[in-house]
Amino acid sequence: MSEYPALQNHNVSVGKIDGVMGPKTIAGIRTFQQKNALTADGIVGPKTWAALQGVSSTTTIQPSTTTGGFGDDPGFGFGY
């Protein structure tokens, strides 16, 4: 899951990396969202992902071709 290193790069603690999107990961995502004036819902949608990657939220991000999307764009999947 690429959210873990991205969150850690922003000094957000998510606990041990275990490949599971558990409560610590969701809490870390919410913390990151709050710090970046995003909707703190714990869901990594396109705006949160863009902020994690350090790009403008207006930059076009290509959706994943895998299934399992979530957040505010069901096509933006991470292949869970």
Foldseek 3Di string as FASTA:
>chain_A
DVLVVLLVVVVQDQPDDDPDCDPSQLVSLLVQCVVVVHPSPSFCDQCSVCVSVVHHSVDDDDADPAADADDPDRRNHDND
